[in-house]
Amino acid sequence: MHSKNLTKDTELKNIAIALISQYGDDTDAVATLRAAEYAAELNNEEWIKWESIIILINQINNSPDLNG
């Protein structure tokens, strides 16, 4: 079970890094819009996933280590 969570965490971090690479300063806004779309559809699983990605984006952007 632990490795499954680690894999999911790695996947979410990779998504966050890819979004930052693609959208730069607009990344937070893009991810927030995606989260809002899933929330509006009452898709809790995807909404929570995107809320987690937003947290990771902020952690990476605020980290002095360029690798997050």
N, C-alpha and C. Protein backbone atom coordinates (compact mmCIF):
# COMPACT_ATOMS: atom_id res chain seq x y z
N MET A 1 0.83 -1.20 0.00
CA MET A 1 0.00 0.00 0.00
C MET A 1 0.86 1.26 0.00
N HIS A 2 1.97 1.21 0.74
CA HIS A 2 2.85 2.37 0.79
C HIS A 2 3.41 2.72 -0.59
N SER A 3 3.80 1.71 -1.34
CA SER A 3 4.36 1.97 -2.68
C SER A 3 3.30 2.55 -3.61
N LYS A 4 2.05 2.18 -3.42
CA LYS A 4 0.97 2.73 -4.23
C LYS A 4 0.83 4.23 -3.97
N ASN A 5 0.90 4.63 -2.70
CA ASN A 5 0.83 6.05 -2.36
C ASN A 5 2.03 6.80 -2.90
N LEU A 6 3.20 6.19 -2.82
CA LEU A 6 4.41 6.80 -3.34
C LEU A 6 4.31 7.00 -4.85
N THR A 7 3.78 6.01 -5.54
CA THR A 7 3.59 6.11 -6.98
C THR A 7 2.61 7.23 -7.32
N LYS A 8 1.53 7.33 -6.57
CA LYS A 8 0.54 8.38 -6.80
C LYS A 8 1.14 9.75 -6.53
N ASP A 9 1.92 9.87 -5.44
CA ASP A 9 2.57 11.14 -5.13
C ASP A 9 3.53 11.55 -6.24
N THR A 10 4.28 10.58 -6.75
CA THR A 10 5.23 10.85 -7.84
C THR A 10 4.47 11.28 -9.09
N GLU A 11 3.37 10.61 -9.38
CA GLU A 11 2.56 10.97 -10.54
C GLU A 11 2.04 12.40 -10.43
N LEU A 12 1.53 12.77 -9.25
CA LEU A 12 1.01 14.12 -9.05
C LEU A 12 2.13 15.16 -9.17
N LYS A 13 3.29 14.84 -8.62
CA LYS A 13 4.42 15.78 -8.72
C LYS A 13 4.86 15.94 -10.17
N ASN A 14 4.86 14.84 -10.92
CA ASN A 14 5.23 14.93 -12.34
C ASN A 14 4.23 15.77 -13.12
N ILE A 15 2.95 15.66 -12.79
CA ILE A 15 1.93 16.49 -13.43
C ILE A 15 2.19 17.96 -13.10
N ALA A 16 2.46 18.24 -11.84
CA ALA A 16 2.72 19.63 -11.41
C ALA A 16 3.92 20.20 -12.15
N ILE A 17 4.99 19.43 -12.25
CA ILE A 17 6.20 19.89 -12.94
C ILE A 17 5.93 20.12 -14.42
N ALA A 18 5.18 19.22 -15.04
CA ALA A 18 4.84 19.37 -16.46
C ALA A 18 4.00 20.63 -16.69
N LEU A 19 3.06 20.88 -15.79
CA LEU A 19 2.23 22.09 -15.92
C LEU A 19 3.06 23.35 -15.76
N ILE A 20 3.98 23.34 -14.79
CA ILE A 20 4.85 24.51 -14.59
C ILE A 20 5.69 24.75 -15.84
N SER A 21 6.21 23.68 -16.42
CA SER A 21 7.01 23.80 -17.65
C SER A 21 6.19 24.37 -18.80
N GLN A 22 4.93 23.97 -18.86
CA GLN A 22 4.08 24.38 -19.97
C GLN A 22 3.49 25.78 -19.78
N TYR A 23 3.04 26.09 -18.55
CA TYR A 23 2.27 27.32 -18.33
C TYR A 23 3.00 28.40 -17.54
N GLY A 24 4.15 28.09 -16.97
CA GLY A 24 4.92 29.10 -16.24
C GLY A 24 4.13 29.77 -15.14
N ASP A 25 4.10 31.10 -15.16
CA ASP A 25 3.43 31.87 -14.12
C ASP A 25 1.92 31.65 -14.08
N ASP A 26 1.34 31.13 -15.13
CA ASP A 26 -0.10 30.89 -15.17
C ASP A 26 -0.51 29.51 -14.65
N THR A 27 0.47 28.73 -14.21
CA THR A 27 0.20 27.35 -13.81
C THR A 27 -0.86 27.24 -12.72
N ASP A 28 -0.74 28.07 -11.69
CA ASP A 28 -1.69 28.01 -10.58
C ASP A 28 -3.11 28.27 -11.07
N ALA A 29 -3.26 29.25 -11.96
CA ALA A 29 -4.58 29.59 -12.49
C ALA A 29 -5.15 28.44 -13.32
N VAL A 30 -4.30 27.83 -14.14
CA VAL A 30 -4.75 26.71 -14.99
C VAL A 30 -5.21 25.54 -14.12
N ALA A 31 -4.41 25.20 -13.12
CA ALA A 31 -4.76 24.08 -12.24
C ALA A 31 -6.01 24.39 -11.43
N THR A 32 -6.15 25.63 -10.99
CA THR A 32 -7.34 26.03 -10.23
C THR A 32 -8.59 25.92 -11.08
N LEU A 33 -8.50 26.32 -12.35
CA LEU A 33 -9.65 26.19 -13.25
C LEU A 33 -10.03 24.73 -13.46
N ARG A 34 -9.01 23.88 -13.59
CA ARG A 34 -9.28 22.46 -13.76
C ARG A 34 -9.96 21.87 -12.52
N ALA A 35 -9.46 22.25 -11.36
CA ALA A 35 -10.06 21.78 -10.11
C ALA A 35 -11.51 22.26 -10.00
N ALA A 36 -11.75 23.50 -10.39
CA ALA A 36 -13.11 24.06 -10.33
C ALA A 36 -14.06 23.34 -11.27
N GLU A 37 -13.55 22.96 -12.46
CA GLU A 37 -14.38 22.21 -13.40
C GLU A 37 -14.83 20.88 -12.79
N TYR A 38 -13.90 20.17 -12.16
CA TYR A 38 -14.25 18.89 -11.54
C TYR A 38 -15.17 19.09 -10.34
N ALA A 39 -14.95 20.14 -9.59
CA ALA A 39 -15.83 20.42 -8.45
C ALA A 39 -17.25 20.71 -8.93
N ALA A 40 -17.37 21.46 -10.02
CA ALA A 40 -18.69 21.78 -10.57
C ALA A 40 -19.41 20.54 -11.08
N GLU A 41 -18.62 19.56 -11.55
CA GLU A 41 -19.20 18.30 -12.02
C GLU A 41 -19.45 17.31 -10.88
N LEU A 42 -19.10 17.74 -9.66
CA LEU A 42 -19.22 16.90 -8.46
C LEU A 42 -18.37 15.63 -8.57
N ASN A 43 -17.25 15.74 -9.29
CA ASN A 43 -16.31 14.65 -9.43
C ASN A 43 -15.25 14.82 -8.33
N ASN A 44 -15.58 14.32 -7.14
CA ASN A 44 -14.74 14.54 -5.97
C ASN A 44 -13.34 13.97 -6.12
N GLU A 45 -13.22 12.81 -6.73
CA GLU A 45 -11.90 12.18 -6.86
C GLU A 45 -10.95 13.05 -7.67
N GLU A 46 -11.41 13.53 -8.82
CA GLU A 46 -10.57 14.39 -9.66
C GLU A 46 -10.37 15.76 -9.04
N TRP A 47 -11.39 16.28 -8.37
CA TRP A 47 -11.27 17.58 -7.70
C TRP A 47 -10.18 17.52 -6.64
N ILE A 48 -10.20 16.49 -5.81
CA ILE A 48 -9.18 16.32 -4.76
C ILE A 48 -7.80 16.16 -5.38
N LYS A 49 -7.73 15.40 -6.47
CA LYS A 49 -6.45 15.23 -7.18
C LYS A 49 -5.90 16.57 -7.60
N TRP A 50 -6.72 17.41 -8.19
CA TRP A 50 -6.25 18.71 -8.68
C TRP A 50 -5.97 19.68 -7.54
N GLU A 51 -6.68 19.58 -6.45
CA GLU A 51 -6.35 20.39 -5.28
C GLU A 51 -4.96 20.00 -4.77
N SER A 52 -4.64 18.71 -4.80
CA SER A 52 -3.32 18.23 -4.39
C SER A 52 -2.24 18.74 -5.35
N ILE A 53 -2.56 18.76 -6.63
CA ILE A 53 -1.61 19.27 -7.63
C ILE A 53 -1.36 20.76 -7.40
N ILE A 54 -2.38 21.52 -7.05
CA ILE A 54 -2.21 22.95 -6.77
C ILE A 54 -1.26 23.15 -5.59
N ILE A 55 -1.41 22.34 -4.56
CA ILE A 55 -0.52 22.43 -3.40
C ILE A 55 0.92 22.13 -3.83
N LEU A 56 1.10 21.10 -4.64
CA LEU A 56 2.44 20.76 -5.12
C LEU A 56 3.03 21.87 -5.98
N ILE A 57 2.22 22.47 -6.83
CA ILE A 57 2.69 23.59 -7.66
C ILE A 57 3.21 24.71 -6.77
N ASN A 58 2.45 25.05 -5.75
CA ASN A 58 2.88 26.11 -4.84
C ASN A 58 4.14 25.74 -4.08
N GLN A 59 4.25 24.48 -3.66
CA GLN A 59 5.46 24.03 -2.96
C GLN A 59 6.67 24.11 -3.89
N ILE A 60 6.51 23.66 -5.12
CA ILE A 60 7.61 23.70 -6.08
C ILE A 60 8.01 25.14 -6.38
N ASN A 61 7.03 25.99 -6.61
CA ASN A 61 7.31 27.38 -6.95
C ASN A 61 7.96 28.14 -5.80
N ASN A 62 7.66 27.74 -4.56
CA ASN A 62 8.21 28.43 -3.39
C ASN A 62 9.46 27.77 -2.85
N SER A 63 9.91 26.71 -3.49
CA SER A 63 11.08 25.97 -3.04
C SER A 63 12.36 26.57 -3.63
N PRO A 64 13.38 26.77 -2.77
CA PRO A 64 14.63 27.25 -3.32
C PRO A 64 15.36 26.19 -4.16
N ASP A 65 14.99 24.92 -3.96
CA ASP A 65 15.54 23.81 -4.73
C ASP A 65 14.74 23.70 -6.02
N LEU A 66 15.38 23.80 -7.16
CA LEU A 66 14.67 23.79 -8.43
C LEU A 66 13.98 22.47 -8.72
N ASN A 67 14.32 21.42 -7.99
CA ASN A 67 13.68 20.13 -8.17
C ASN A 67 12.45 19.98 -7.30
N GLY A 68 12.04 20.99 -6.57
CA GLY A 68 10.86 20.94 -5.72
C GLY A 68 11.17 20.25 -4.44
